C-alpha atoms as a PDB file:
ATOM      1  CA  MET A   1     -18.528   0.642  14.821  1.00  0.00           C
ATOM      2  CA  ALA A   2     -18.082   2.706  11.659  1.00  0.00           C
ATOM      3  CA  TYR A   3     -14.841   2.266   9.712  1.00  0.00           C
ATOM      4  CA  SER A   4     -13.398   4.426   6.989  1.00  0.00           C
ATOM      5  CA  ARG A   5     -12.451   2.153   4.082  1.00  0.00           C
ATOM      6  CA  ILE A   6      -9.458   4.345   3.318  1.00  0.00           C
ATOM      7  CA  ALA A   7      -8.213   4.343   6.898  1.00  0.00           C
ATOM      8  CA  VAL A   8      -8.670   0.588   7.209  1.00  0.00           C
ATOM      9  CA  THR A   9      -6.731  -0.063   4.013  1.00  0.00           C
ATOM     10  CA  LEU A  10      -3.924   2.370   4.817  1.00  0.00           C
ATOM     11  CA  GLU A  11      -3.494   1.027   8.353  1.00  0.00           C
ATOM     12  CA  SER A  12      -3.510  -2.528   7.024  1.00  0.00           C
ATOM     13  CA  PHE A  13      -0.829  -1.710   4.466  1.00  0.00           C
ATOM     14  CA  LYS A  14       1.278   0.078   7.070  1.00  0.00           C
ATOM     15  CA  ARG A  15       1.019  -2.890   9.419  1.00  0.00           C
ATOM     16  CA  ASP A  16       1.745  -5.561   6.809  1.00  0.00           C
ATOM     17  CA  TRP A  17       3.969  -3.628   4.374  1.00  0.00           C
ATOM     18  CA  GLN A  18       7.072  -5.822   4.651  1.00  0.00           C
ATOM     19  CA  LYS A  19       4.986  -8.995   4.351  1.00  0.00           C
ATOM     20  CA  ILE A  20       3.338  -7.658   1.196  1.00  0.00           C
ATOM     21  CA  VAL A  21       6.385  -6.247  -0.636  1.00  0.00           C
ATOM     22  CA  GLY A  22       9.221  -8.242   0.916  1.00  0.00           C
ATOM     23  CA  PRO A  23      11.939  -7.305   3.403  1.00  0.00           C
ATOM     24  CA  HIS A  24      14.254  -5.326   1.106  1.00  0.00           C
ATOM     25  CA  LEU A  25      11.638  -3.081  -0.466  1.00  0.00           C
ATOM     26  CA  GLY A  26       9.755  -2.980   2.834  1.00  0.00           C
ATOM     27  CA  ALA A  27      12.787  -1.569   4.649  1.00  0.00           C
ATOM     28  CA  ALA A  28      13.347   1.106   1.992  1.00  0.00           C
ATOM     29  CA  SER A  29       9.759   2.292   1.543  1.00  0.00           C
ATOM     30  CA  GLY A  30       6.393   2.535   3.205  1.00  0.00           C
ATOM     31  CA  PRO A  31       2.855   3.804   2.746  1.00  0.00           C
ATOM     32  CA  THR A  32       2.055   7.309   3.977  1.00  0.00           C
ATOM     33  CA  ALA A  33      -1.374   8.151   2.548  1.00  0.00           C
ATOM     34  CA  LEU A  34      -4.170   6.776   0.405  1.00  0.00           C
ATOM     35  CA  ASP A  35      -6.384   8.992  -1.737  1.00  0.00           C
ATOM     36  CA  GLU A  36     -10.007   8.184  -2.525  1.00  0.00           C
ATOM     37  CA  ASP A  37      -9.035   7.705  -6.180  1.00  0.00           C
ATOM     38  CA  GLY A  38      -6.858   4.740  -5.147  1.00  0.00           C
ATOM     39  CA  THR A  39      -3.461   6.466  -5.238  1.00  0.00           C
ATOM     40  CA  LEU A  40      -1.205   4.992  -2.582  1.00  0.00           C
ATOM     41  CA  HIS A  41       1.483   7.475  -1.539  1.00  0.00           C
ATOM     42  CA  LEU A  42       4.789   5.991  -0.447  1.00  0.00           C
ATOM     43  CA  TRP A  43       8.011   7.271   1.065  1.00  0.00           C
ATOM     44  CA  VAL A  44      11.199   5.828  -0.384  1.00  0.00           C
ATOM     45  CA  ALA A  45      14.736   5.952   0.983  1.00  0.00           C
ATOM     46  CA  THR A  46      16.597   6.747  -2.249  1.00  0.00           C
ATOM     47  CA  PRO A  47      16.021   7.759  -5.873  1.00  0.00           C
ATOM     48  CA  ALA A  48      17.010   4.218  -6.890  1.00  0.00           C
ATOM     49  CA  TRP A  49      14.152   2.759  -4.823  1.00  0.00           C
ATOM     50  CA  GLN A  50      11.823   5.360  -6.305  1.00  0.00           C
ATOM     51  CA  MET A  51      12.753   4.131  -9.791  1.00  0.00           C
ATOM     52  CA  ASP A  52      12.358   0.489  -8.729  1.00  0.00           C
ATOM     53  CA  LEU A  53       8.870   1.198  -7.380  1.00  0.00           C
ATOM     54  CA  THR A  54       7.906   2.812 -10.666  1.00  0.00           C
ATOM     55  CA  GLU A  55       9.086  -0.268 -12.560  1.00  0.00           C
ATOM     56  CA  LEU A  56       7.305  -2.634 -10.130  1.00  0.00           C
ATOM     57  CA  GLU A  57       4.040  -0.672  -9.974  1.00  0.00           C
ATOM     58  CA  SER A  58       1.882  -3.153 -11.942  1.00  0.00           C
ATOM     59  CA  GLU A  59       3.239  -6.160 -10.047  1.00  0.00           C
ATOM     60  CA  LEU A  60       2.749  -4.474  -6.680  1.00  0.00           C
ATOM     61  CA  ILE A  61      -0.802  -3.390  -7.481  1.00  0.00           C
ATOM     62  CA  ALA A  62      -1.593  -7.008  -8.383  1.00  0.00           C
ATOM     63  CA  ARG A  63      -0.187  -8.074  -4.993  1.00  0.00           C
ATOM     64  CA  PHE A  64      -2.250  -5.431  -3.232  1.00  0.00           C
ATOM     65  CA  ASP A  65      -5.382  -6.770  -4.929  1.00  0.00           C
ATOM     66  CA  ALA A  66      -4.621 -10.179  -3.430  1.00  0.00           C
ATOM     67  CA  VAL A  67      -4.201  -8.877   0.123  1.00  0.00           C
ATOM     68  CA  GLN A  68      -7.089  -9.747   2.408  1.00  0.00           C
ATOM     69  CA  LEU A  69      -7.787  -7.751   5.527  1.00  0.00           C
ATOM     70  CA  PHE A  70      -8.144 -10.168   8.409  1.00  0.00           C
ATOM     71  CA  GLY A  71      -9.918  -9.486  11.676  1.00  0.00           C
ATOM     72  CA  LEU A  72     -12.228  -6.827  10.284  1.00  0.00           C
ATOM     73  CA  PRO A  73     -16.029  -6.808  10.052  1.00  0.00           C
ATOM     74  CA  ALA A  74     -17.376  -8.435   6.890  1.00  0.00           C
ATOM     75  CA  ASP A  75     -18.865  -5.162   5.629  1.00  0.00           C
ATOM     76  CA  VAL A  76     -15.473  -3.413   5.567  1.00  0.00           C
ATOM     77  CA  GLN A  77     -13.821  -3.427   2.177  1.00  0.00           C
ATOM     78  CA  GLY A  78     -10.572  -1.742   1.351  1.00  0.00           C
ATOM     79  CA  THR A  79     -10.095   0.991  -1.182  1.00  0.00           C
ATOM     80  CA  PRO A  80      -8.586  -0.610  -4.307  1.00  0.00           C
ATOM     81  CA  ILE A  81      -5.078   0.589  -5.109  1.00  0.00           C
ATOM     82  CA  ARG A  82      -4.903   1.900  -8.676  1.00  0.00           C
ATOM     83  CA  ARG A  83      -1.662   3.903  -8.697  1.00  0.00           C
ATOM     84  CA  LEU A  84       1.537   4.394  -6.678  1.00  0.00           C
ATOM     85  CA  GLN A  85       3.136   7.757  -5.990  1.00  0.00           C
ATOM     86  CA  ALA A  86       6.616   7.455  -4.468  1.00  0.00           C
ATOM     87  CA  THR A  87       8.440  10.435  -2.997  1.00  0.00           C
ATOM     88  CA  LEU A  88      11.748  10.856  -1.223  1.00  0.00           C
END
């Protein structure tokens, strides 16, 4: 079965978002799209959360790098996240 790396990564982040970022941030934001250049697009509930995401970008990207995708074929690798783009 052929997998799109981008689709696999985005679906994995959608599924595990609260586990990755924690319950508070997870309830106020979520992934919506992933570009081939590694930009992860997020929705956020308020401008304050948008600012928090900007301040946490480096820490979150490091967390994303540590996330492993379980239950997928060995040849599937996720698209590395390089940048966050949060919108209301």
